[in-house]
């Protein structure tokens, strides 16, 4: 009986300690103001304060809508996995919309000049690299839609990243003869009408002819924005949330990070 009581006391004390630790650990979030090319930007950073010291860091690049609640939710989700995560701002402070025409106009303004496009993304990466908890030797970038294309551009620009993950981003073929150590994971909806079959085939051919370390995963039946639970509410036939593709692509990303970060 005495041994049973000791065991019960130990279990109770251990449980209380776990509850106390859980109560003090939390994902900390902060809006970060910075500028690029004279434009005031406002990013969103998150990390788990229970994790001590420097850790791998992940840059998150938003969809064409801008840095909205969905992009922030992914930042917080990554922080919960133990990373420092930073959602950059590609458009300007407060510039987020749910109107496709406005989103398209902002996106086209950025992508019209590839060098400026890459530089704006690099400005966000520099903010993440400057965070005191970031292990600058272990950084990656992920992006959705427009953000997926953006992280591909970062990889081709030789950014200080171990890898990038594109979720339903436009397939961007690499420049011919490009040498880059950045590994690439391309997660794409097989039924995405925004990427024509010939465009996808050209991308795969260019990647196959390159010396890059890359992989592409296609999700059958998945359309554009398959990771965003709010995609259906937009009212565009091309956009649709796909829970299975969302979960599978996130799992693929986590395995990819385990590989490139050595975790």
C-alpha atoms as a PDB file:
ATOM      1  CA  UNK A   1       0.000   0.000   0.000  1.00  0.00           C
ATOM      2  CA  UNK A   2       2.847   2.370   0.890  1.00  0.00           C
ATOM      3  CA  UNK A   3       4.464   1.766  -2.523  1.00  0.00           C
ATOM      4  CA  UNK A   4       1.154   2.438  -4.279  1.00  0.00           C
ATOM      5  CA  UNK A   5       0.751   5.707  -2.381  1.00  0.00           C
ATOM      6  CA  UNK A   6       4.313   6.762  -3.302  1.00  0.00           C
ATOM      7  CA  UNK A   7       3.576   5.991  -6.947  1.00  0.00           C
ATOM      8  CA  UNK A   8       0.353   8.029  -6.836  1.00  0.00           C
ATOM      9  CA  UNK A   9       2.152  10.962  -5.194  1.00  0.00           C
ATOM     10  CA  UNK A  10       4.907  10.809  -7.838  1.00  0.00           C
ATOM     11  CA  UNK A  11       2.350  10.798 -10.653  1.00  0.00           C
ATOM     12  CA  UNK A  12       0.478  13.746  -9.144  1.00  0.00           C
ATOM     13  CA  UNK A  13       3.660  15.774  -8.614  1.00  0.00           C
ATOM     14  CA  UNK A  14       4.901  14.984 -12.127  1.00  0.00           C
ATOM     15  CA  UNK A  15       1.560  15.988 -13.627  1.00  0.00           C
ATOM     16  CA  UNK A  16       1.589  19.254 -11.688  1.00  0.00           C
ATOM     17  CA  UNK A  17       5.101  20.022 -12.927  1.00  0.00           C
ATOM     18  CA  UNK A  18       4.048  19.351 -16.519  1.00  0.00           C
ATOM     19  CA  UNK A  19       1.050  21.644 -16.098  1.00  0.00           C
ATOM     20  CA  UNK A  20       3.286  24.362 -14.640  1.00  0.00           C
ATOM     21  CA  UNK A  21       5.725  24.083 -17.552  1.00  0.00           C
ATOM     22  CA  UNK A  22       2.847  24.199 -20.048  1.00  0.00           C
ATOM     23  CA  UNK A  23       1.428  27.255 -18.327  1.00  0.00           C
ATOM     24  CA  UNK A  24       4.687  29.199 -18.630  1.00  0.00           C
ATOM     25  CA  UNK A  25       5.514  28.130 -22.192  1.00  0.00           C
ATOM     26  CA  UNK A  26       3.799  30.040 -24.941  1.00  0.00           C
ATOM     27  CA  UNK A  27       4.170  31.068 -28.559  1.00  0.00           C
ATOM     28  CA  UNK A  28       5.262  34.696 -28.521  1.00  0.00           C
ATOM     29  CA  UNK A  29       4.208  36.867 -31.464  1.00  0.00           C
ATOM     30  CA  UNK A  30       5.265  40.344 -32.521  1.00  0.00           C
ATOM     31  CA  UNK A  31       4.733  42.716 -35.422  1.00  0.00           C
ATOM     32  CA  UNK A  32       8.054  43.843 -36.863  1.00  0.00           C
ATOM     33  CA  UNK A  33       8.367  47.093 -38.807  1.00  0.00           C
ATOM     34  CA  UNK A  34      11.081  47.385 -41.444  1.00  0.00           C
ATOM     35  CA  UNK A  35      11.644  49.124 -44.759  1.00  0.00           C
ATOM     36  CA  UNK A  36      12.803  48.229 -48.231  1.00  0.00           C
ATOM     37  CA  UNK A  37      13.381  50.588 -51.127  1.00  0.00           C
ATOM     38  CA  UNK A  38      11.575  53.365 -49.261  1.00  0.00           C
ATOM     39  CA  UNK A  39       8.479  51.249 -48.566  1.00  0.00           C
ATOM     40  CA  UNK A  40       7.330  50.741 -44.969  1.00  0.00           C
ATOM     41  CA  UNK A  41       6.669  47.061 -44.308  1.00  0.00           C
ATOM     42  CA  UNK A  42       5.191  45.186 -41.340  1.00  0.00           C
ATOM     43  CA  UNK A  43       6.068  41.528 -40.831  1.00  0.00           C
ATOM     44  CA  UNK A  44       4.967  39.033 -38.191  1.00  0.00           C
ATOM     45  CA  UNK A  45       7.368  36.939 -36.099  1.00  0.00           C
ATOM     46  CA  UNK A  46       6.633  34.072 -33.701  1.00  0.00           C
ATOM     47  CA  UNK A  47       8.592  31.664 -31.535  1.00  0.00           C
ATOM     48  CA  UNK A  48       8.030  29.364 -28.579  1.00  0.00           C
ATOM     49  CA  UNK A  49       9.637  30.871 -25.473  1.00  0.00           C
ATOM     50  CA  UNK A  50       9.983  27.400 -23.930  1.00  0.00           C
ATOM     51  CA  UNK A  51      12.688  26.588 -26.473  1.00  0.00           C
ATOM     52  CA  UNK A  52      16.013  27.937 -25.268  1.00  0.00           C
ATOM     53  CA  UNK A  53      18.805  29.321 -27.391  1.00  0.00           C
ATOM     54  CA  UNK A  54      19.125  29.603 -31.145  1.00  0.00           C
ATOM     55  CA  UNK A  55      17.062  27.341 -33.359  1.00  0.00           C
ATOM     56  CA  UNK A  56      16.271  26.734 -37.063  1.00  0.00           C
ATOM     57  CA  UNK A  57      14.284  29.530 -38.664  1.00  0.00           C
ATOM     58  CA  UNK A  58      11.608  29.580 -41.369  1.00  0.00           C
ATOM     59  CA  UNK A  59      10.592  32.502 -43.554  1.00  0.00           C
ATOM     60  CA  UNK A  60       6.919  32.457 -44.590  1.00  0.00           C
ATOM     61  CA  UNK A  61       5.834  34.245 -47.779  1.00  0.00           C
ATOM     62  CA  UNK A  62       2.138  34.998 -48.081  1.00  0.00           C
ATOM     63  CA  UNK A  63      -0.314  34.384 -50.926  1.00  0.00           C
ATOM     64  CA  UNK A  64      -1.204  37.142 -53.364  1.00  0.00           C
ATOM     65  CA  UNK A  65      -3.725  38.448 -50.811  1.00  0.00           C
ATOM     66  CA  UNK A  66      -0.949  39.897 -48.648  1.00  0.00           C
ATOM     67  CA  UNK A  67       0.126  39.158 -45.090  1.00  0.00           C
ATOM     68  CA  UNK A  68      -3.271  38.128 -43.728  1.00  0.00           C
ATOM     69  CA  UNK A  69      -4.560  35.945 -40.883  1.00  0.00           C
ATOM     70  CA  UNK A  70      -3.967  32.752 -42.860  1.00  0.00           C
ATOM     71  CA  UNK A  71      -0.271  33.549 -43.362  1.00  0.00           C
ATOM     72  CA  UNK A  72       0.029  34.488 -39.689  1.00  0.00           C
ATOM     73  CA  UNK A  73      -1.569  31.185 -38.686  1.00  0.00           C
ATOM     74  CA  UNK A  74       1.180  29.315 -40.535  1.00  0.00           C
ATOM     75  CA  UNK A  75       3.822  31.422 -38.792  1.00  0.00           C
ATOM     76  CA  UNK A  76       2.367  30.498 -35.394  1.00  0.00           C
ATOM     77  CA  UNK A  77       2.051  26.855 -36.434  1.00  0.00           C
ATOM     78  CA  UNK A  78       5.762  26.729 -37.280  1.00  0.00           C
ATOM     79  CA  UNK A  79       6.633  28.433 -34.000  1.00  0.00           C
ATOM     80  CA  UNK A  80       4.714  25.692 -32.222  1.00  0.00           C
ATOM     81  CA  UNK A  81       7.029  23.166 -33.874  1.00  0.00           C
ATOM     82  CA  UNK A  82      10.041  24.876 -32.317  1.00  0.00           C
ATOM     83  CA  UNK A  83      11.168  27.154 -35.141  1.00  0.00           C
ATOM     84  CA  UNK A  84      11.562  30.903 -35.241  1.00  0.00           C
ATOM     85  CA  UNK A  85       9.109  31.866 -37.984  1.00  0.00           C
ATOM     86  CA  UNK A  86       8.718  35.189 -39.750  1.00  0.00           C
ATOM     87  CA  UNK A  87       5.918  36.170 -42.090  1.00  0.00           C
ATOM     88  CA  UNK A  88       7.373  38.825 -44.335  1.00  0.00           C
ATOM     89  CA  UNK A  89       5.458  41.623 -46.021  1.00  0.00           C
ATOM     90  CA  UNK A  90       5.859  41.847 -49.797  1.00  0.00           C
ATOM     91  CA  UNK A  91       3.425  44.723 -50.441  1.00  0.00           C
ATOM     92  CA  UNK A  92       3.560  47.325 -47.683  1.00  0.00           C
ATOM     93  CA  UNK A  93       2.221  47.907 -44.185  1.00  0.00           C
ATOM     94  CA  UNK A  94      -1.497  47.174 -43.980  1.00  0.00           C
ATOM     95  CA  UNK A  95      -1.808  46.022 -47.602  1.00  0.00           C
ATOM     96  CA  UNK A  96      -3.936  42.884 -47.505  1.00  0.00           C
ATOM     97  CA  UNK A  97      -7.139  42.209 -49.429  1.00  0.00           C
ATOM     98  CA  UNK A  98      -9.738  39.574 -50.262  1.00  0.00           C
ATOM     99  CA  UNK A  99     -10.414  41.012 -53.728  1.00  0.00           C
ATOM    100  CA  UNK A 100      -8.694  39.050 -56.558  1.00  0.00           C
ATOM    101  CA  UNK A 101      -8.300  42.099 -58.813  1.00  0.00           C
ATOM    102  CA  UNK A 102      -6.478  44.074 -56.149  1.00  0.00           C
ATOM    103  CA  UNK A 103      -4.385  41.081 -55.155  1.00  0.00           C
ATOM    104  CA  UNK A 104      -3.426  40.481 -58.772  1.00  0.00           C
ATOM    105  CA  UNK A 105      -2.450  44.110 -59.261  1.00  0.00           C
ATOM    106  CA  UNK A 106      -0.188  44.102 -56.214  1.00  0.00           C
ATOM    107  CA  UNK A 107       1.384  40.798 -57.218  1.00  0.00           C
ATOM    108  CA  UNK A 108       2.019  41.901 -60.798  1.00  0.00           C
ATOM    109  CA  UNK A 109       3.637  45.087 -59.565  1.00  0.00           C
ATOM    110  CA  UNK A 110       6.138  43.031 -57.569  1.00  0.00           C
ATOM    111  CA  UNK A 111       6.818  40.305 -60.130  1.00  0.00           C
ATOM    112  CA  UNK A 112       7.309  42.723 -63.050  1.00  0.00           C
ATOM    113  CA  UNK A 113      10.935  43.223 -62.005  1.00  0.00           C
ATOM    114  CA  UNK A 114      12.630  39.980 -60.963  1.00  0.00           C
ATOM    115  CA  UNK A 115      15.605  41.676 -59.301  1.00  0.00           C
ATOM    116  CA  UNK A 116      13.334  43.930 -57.234  1.00  0.00           C
ATOM    117  CA  UNK A 117      11.091  40.947 -56.440  1.00  0.00           C
ATOM    118  CA  UNK A 118      14.024  38.989 -55.075  1.00  0.00           C
ATOM    119  CA  UNK A 119      15.357  41.989 -53.180  1.00  0.00           C
ATOM    120  CA  UNK A 120      12.023  42.575 -51.417  1.00  0.00           C
ATOM    121  CA  UNK A 121      11.974  38.922 -50.304  1.00  0.00           C
ATOM    122  CA  UNK A 122      15.614  39.135 -49.231  1.00  0.00           C
ATOM    123  CA  UNK A 123      14.749  42.130 -47.042  1.00  0.00           C
ATOM    124  CA  UNK A 124      12.339  39.930 -45.113  1.00  0.00           C
ATOM    125  CA  UNK A 125      14.913  37.162 -44.847  1.00  0.00           C
ATOM    126  CA  UNK A 126      17.393  39.660 -43.404  1.00  0.00           C
ATOM    127  CA  UNK A 127      14.903  40.513 -40.650  1.00  0.00           C
ATOM    128  CA  UNK A 128      14.604  36.834 -39.760  1.00  0.00           C
ATOM    129  CA  UNK A 129      18.368  36.341 -39.866  1.00  0.00           C
ATOM    130  CA  UNK A 130      18.797  39.261 -37.472  1.00  0.00           C
ATOM    131  CA  UNK A 131      16.536  37.796 -34.803  1.00  0.00           C
ATOM    132  CA  UNK A 132      18.583  36.798 -31.719  1.00  0.00           C
ATOM    133  CA  UNK A 133      17.050  33.301 -31.624  1.00  0.00           C
ATOM    134  CA  UNK A 134      17.738  32.500 -35.278  1.00  0.00           C
ATOM    135  CA  UNK A 135      20.415  29.962 -36.146  1.00  0.00           C
ATOM    136  CA  UNK A 136      21.531  31.620 -39.385  1.00  0.00           C
ATOM    137  CA  UNK A 137      23.209  28.407 -40.535  1.00  0.00           C
ATOM    138  CA  UNK A 138      19.808  26.682 -40.533  1.00  0.00           C
ATOM    139  CA  UNK A 139      17.227  28.765 -42.349  1.00  0.00           C
ATOM    140  CA  UNK A 140      14.510  27.797 -44.829  1.00  0.00           C
ATOM    141  CA  UNK A 141      11.637  29.527 -46.596  1.00  0.00           C
ATOM    142  CA  UNK A 142       8.123  28.420 -47.451  1.00  0.00           C
ATOM    143  CA  UNK A 143       5.568  30.191 -49.590  1.00  0.00           C
ATOM    144  CA  UNK A 144       1.983  29.880 -50.732  1.00  0.00           C
ATOM    145  CA  UNK A 145       0.675  30.807 -54.199  1.00  0.00           C
ATOM    146  CA  UNK A 146       2.586  34.004 -55.065  1.00  0.00           C
ATOM    147  CA  UNK A 147       4.741  33.178 -52.043  1.00  0.00           C
ATOM    148  CA  UNK A 148       5.605  29.789 -53.521  1.00  0.00           C
ATOM    149  CA  UNK A 149       6.978  31.478 -56.625  1.00  0.00           C
ATOM    150  CA  UNK A 150       8.804  33.956 -54.403  1.00  0.00           C
ATOM    151  CA  UNK A 151      10.702  31.318 -52.433  1.00  0.00           C
ATOM    152  CA  UNK A 152      11.758  29.708 -55.712  1.00  0.00           C
ATOM    153  CA  UNK A 153      13.204  33.066 -56.728  1.00  0.00           C
ATOM    154  CA  UNK A 154      15.082  33.223 -53.415  1.00  0.00           C
ATOM    155  CA  UNK A 155      16.576  29.798 -54.113  1.00  0.00           C
ATOM    156  CA  UNK A 156      17.683  30.873 -57.588  1.00  0.00           C
ATOM    157  CA  UNK A 157      19.146  34.111 -56.198  1.00  0.00           C
ATOM    158  CA  UNK A 158      21.493  32.187 -53.910  1.00  0.00           C
ATOM    159  CA  UNK A 159      19.855  33.281 -50.638  1.00  0.00           C
ATOM    160  CA  UNK A 160      21.377  31.910 -47.422  1.00  0.00           C
ATOM    161  CA  UNK A 161      18.837  29.109 -47.124  1.00  0.00           C
ATOM    162  CA  UNK A 162      19.140  25.369 -46.760  1.00  0.00           C
ATOM    163  CA  UNK A 163      15.868  24.769 -48.547  1.00  0.00           C
ATOM    164  CA  UNK A 164      12.592  26.192 -49.810  1.00  0.00           C
ATOM    165  CA  UNK A 165       9.082  24.765 -50.030  1.00  0.00           C
ATOM    166  CA  UNK A 166       6.558  26.005 -52.580  1.00  0.00           C
ATOM    167  CA  UNK A 167       2.884  25.278 -51.865  1.00  0.00           C
ATOM    168  CA  UNK A 168       0.710  25.740 -54.978  1.00  0.00           C
ATOM    169  CA  UNK A 169       3.142  28.327 -56.322  1.00  0.00           C
ATOM    170  CA  UNK A 170       3.656  28.929 -60.030  1.00  0.00           C
ATOM    171  CA  UNK A 171       6.380  26.633 -61.397  1.00  0.00           C
ATOM    172  CA  UNK A 172       9.402  28.875 -62.056  1.00  0.00           C
ATOM    173  CA  UNK A 173      12.103  27.172 -64.164  1.00  0.00           C
ATOM    174  CA  UNK A 174      15.644  27.857 -62.955  1.00  0.00           C
ATOM    175  CA  UNK A 175      18.056  29.919 -65.040  1.00  0.00           C
ATOM    176  CA  UNK A 176      20.096  27.680 -67.325  1.00  0.00           C
ATOM    177  CA  UNK A 177      23.358  26.552 -65.748  1.00  0.00           C
ATOM    178  CA  UNK A 178      22.375  27.734 -62.257  1.00  0.00           C
ATOM    179  CA  UNK A 179      24.464  26.362 -59.401  1.00  0.00           C
ATOM    180  CA  UNK A 180      22.767  26.579 -56.009  1.00  0.00           C
ATOM    181  CA  UNK A 181      23.021  24.535 -52.787  1.00  0.00           C
ATOM    182  CA  UNK A 182      19.431  25.384 -51.829  1.00  0.00           C
ATOM    183  CA  UNK A 183      17.210  22.307 -51.868  1.00  0.00           C
ATOM    184  CA  UNK A 184      13.729  22.677 -53.355  1.00  0.00           C
ATOM    185  CA  UNK A 185      10.424  20.968 -52.498  1.00  0.00           C
ATOM    186  CA  UNK A 186       7.620  21.793 -54.928  1.00  0.00           C
ATOM    187  CA  UNK A 187       4.127  20.828 -53.691  1.00  0.00           C
ATOM    188  CA  UNK A 188       1.501  21.283 -56.379  1.00  0.00           C
ATOM    189  CA  UNK A 189      -2.129  20.515 -57.085  1.00  0.00           C
ATOM    190  CA  UNK A 190      -2.442  18.246 -60.118  1.00  0.00           C
ATOM    191  CA  UNK A 191      -5.725  19.979 -61.002  1.00  0.00           C
ATOM    192  CA  UNK A 192      -4.449  23.538 -60.521  1.00  0.00           C
ATOM    193  CA  UNK A 193      -5.836  25.466 -63.545  1.00  0.00           C
ATOM    194  CA  UNK A 194      -3.432  28.363 -62.988  1.00  0.00           C
ATOM    195  CA  UNK A 195      -0.516  26.204 -64.153  1.00  0.00           C
ATOM    196  CA  UNK A 196      -1.051  24.893 -67.682  1.00  0.00           C
ATOM    197  CA  UNK A 197       0.187  21.343 -68.445  1.00  0.00           C
ATOM    198  CA  UNK A 198       2.810  22.665 -70.849  1.00  0.00           C
ATOM    199  CA  UNK A 199       4.047  25.082 -68.184  1.00  0.00           C
ATOM    200  CA  UNK A 200       4.421  22.258 -65.679  1.00  0.00           C
ATOM    201  CA  UNK A 201       6.182  20.048 -68.239  1.00  0.00           C
ATOM    202  CA  UNK A 202       8.601  22.858 -69.105  1.00  0.00           C
ATOM    203  CA  UNK A 203       9.341  23.293 -65.404  1.00  0.00           C
ATOM    204  CA  UNK A 204       9.993  19.589 -64.860  1.00  0.00           C
ATOM    205  CA  UNK A 205      12.216  19.425 -67.949  1.00  0.00           C
ATOM    206  CA  UNK A 206      14.253  22.431 -66.805  1.00  0.00           C
ATOM    207  CA  UNK A 207      14.627  21.053 -63.290  1.00  0.00           C
ATOM    208  CA  UNK A 208      15.591  17.648 -64.648  1.00  0.00           C
ATOM    209  CA  UNK A 209      18.312  19.192 -66.795  1.00  0.00           C
ATOM    210  CA  UNK A 210      19.679  21.198 -63.868  1.00  0.00           C
ATOM    211  CA  UNK A 211      22.140  20.260 -61.146  1.00  0.00           C
ATOM    212  CA  UNK A 212      19.751  21.386 -58.419  1.00  0.00           C
ATOM    213  CA  UNK A 213      18.582  19.193 -55.535  1.00  0.00           C
ATOM    214  CA  UNK A 214      14.836  19.217 -56.069  1.00  0.00           C
ATOM    215  CA  UNK A 215      11.686  17.182 -55.669  1.00  0.00           C
ATOM    216  CA  UNK A 216       8.127  17.720 -56.849  1.00  0.00           C
ATOM    217  CA  UNK A 217       4.973  16.232 -55.345  1.00  0.00           C
ATOM    218  CA  UNK A 218       1.632  16.433 -57.156  1.00  0.00           C
ATOM    219  CA  UNK A 219      -1.656  15.917 -55.337  1.00  0.00           C
ATOM    220  CA  UNK A 220      -4.366  14.346 -57.471  1.00  0.00           C
ATOM    221  CA  UNK A 221      -7.532  16.410 -57.828  1.00  0.00           C
ATOM    222  CA  UNK A 222      -6.121  19.319 -55.820  1.00  0.00           C
ATOM    223  CA  UNK A 223      -6.695  22.787 -57.191  1.00  0.00           C
ATOM    224  CA  UNK A 224      -4.979  26.089 -56.446  1.00  0.00           C
ATOM    225  CA  UNK A 225      -4.788  27.215 -52.782  1.00  0.00           C
ATOM    226  CA  UNK A 226      -5.358  23.650 -51.598  1.00  0.00           C
ATOM    227  CA  UNK A 227      -3.733  24.468 -48.219  1.00  0.00           C
ATOM    228  CA  UNK A 228      -6.011  27.386 -47.337  1.00  0.00           C
ATOM    229  CA  UNK A 229      -9.264  26.488 -45.524  1.00  0.00           C
ATOM    230  CA  UNK A 230     -10.727  29.832 -46.629  1.00  0.00           C
ATOM    231  CA  UNK A 231     -10.099  29.215 -50.334  1.00  0.00           C
ATOM    232  CA  UNK A 232     -13.678  28.127 -51.094  1.00  0.00           C
ATOM    233  CA  UNK A 233     -15.130  31.371 -49.721  1.00  0.00           C
ATOM    234  CA  UNK A 234     -13.434  33.467 -52.421  1.00  0.00           C
ATOM    235  CA  UNK A 235     -15.873  32.278 -55.061  1.00  0.00           C
ATOM    236  CA  UNK A 236     -13.262  31.380 -57.689  1.00  0.00           C
ATOM    237  CA  UNK A 237     -13.610  27.962 -59.343  1.00  0.00           C
ATOM    238  CA  UNK A 238      -9.834  27.606 -59.550  1.00  0.00           C
ATOM    239  CA  UNK A 239      -9.445  27.850 -55.759  1.00  0.00           C
ATOM    240  CA  UNK A 240     -10.455  25.022 -53.449  1.00  0.00           C
ATOM    241  CA  UNK A 241      -9.283  23.733 -50.094  1.00  0.00           C
ATOM    242  CA  UNK A 242      -8.222  20.092 -50.047  1.00  0.00           C
ATOM    243  CA  UNK A 243      -7.750  18.729 -46.523  1.00  0.00           C
ATOM    244  CA  UNK A 244      -5.874  15.632 -47.652  1.00  0.00           C
ATOM    245  CA  UNK A 245      -3.434  17.566 -49.854  1.00  0.00           C
ATOM    246  CA  UNK A 246      -2.999  20.141 -47.092  1.00  0.00           C
ATOM    247  CA  UNK A 247      -2.088  17.512 -44.499  1.00  0.00           C
ATOM    248  CA  UNK A 248       0.151  15.533 -46.852  1.00  0.00           C
ATOM    249  CA  UNK A 249       2.061  18.579 -48.067  1.00  0.00           C
ATOM    250  CA  UNK A 250       2.599  19.802 -44.493  1.00  0.00           C
ATOM    251  CA  UNK A 251       3.929  16.366 -43.528  1.00  0.00           C
ATOM    252  CA  UNK A 252       6.229  16.444 -46.574  1.00  0.00           C
ATOM    253  CA  UNK A 253       7.518  19.844 -45.452  1.00  0.00           C
ATOM    254  CA  UNK A 254       8.235  18.576 -41.947  1.00  0.00           C
ATOM    255  CA  UNK A 255      10.181  15.603 -43.290  1.00  0.00           C
ATOM    256  CA  UNK A 256      12.069  17.963 -45.596  1.00  0.00           C
ATOM    257  CA  UNK A 257      12.997  20.180 -42.642  1.00  0.00           C
ATOM    258  CA  UNK A 258      14.166  17.171 -40.648  1.00  0.00           C
ATOM    259  CA  UNK A 259      16.487  16.391 -43.552  1.00  0.00           C
ATOM    260  CA  UNK A 260      17.910  19.848 -44.199  1.00  0.00           C
ATOM    261  CA  UNK A 261      18.154  20.911 -40.564  1.00  0.00           C
ATOM    262  CA  UNK A 262      19.415  17.573 -39.283  1.00  0.00           C
ATOM    263  CA  UNK A 263      16.664  17.316 -36.673  1.00  0.00           C
END
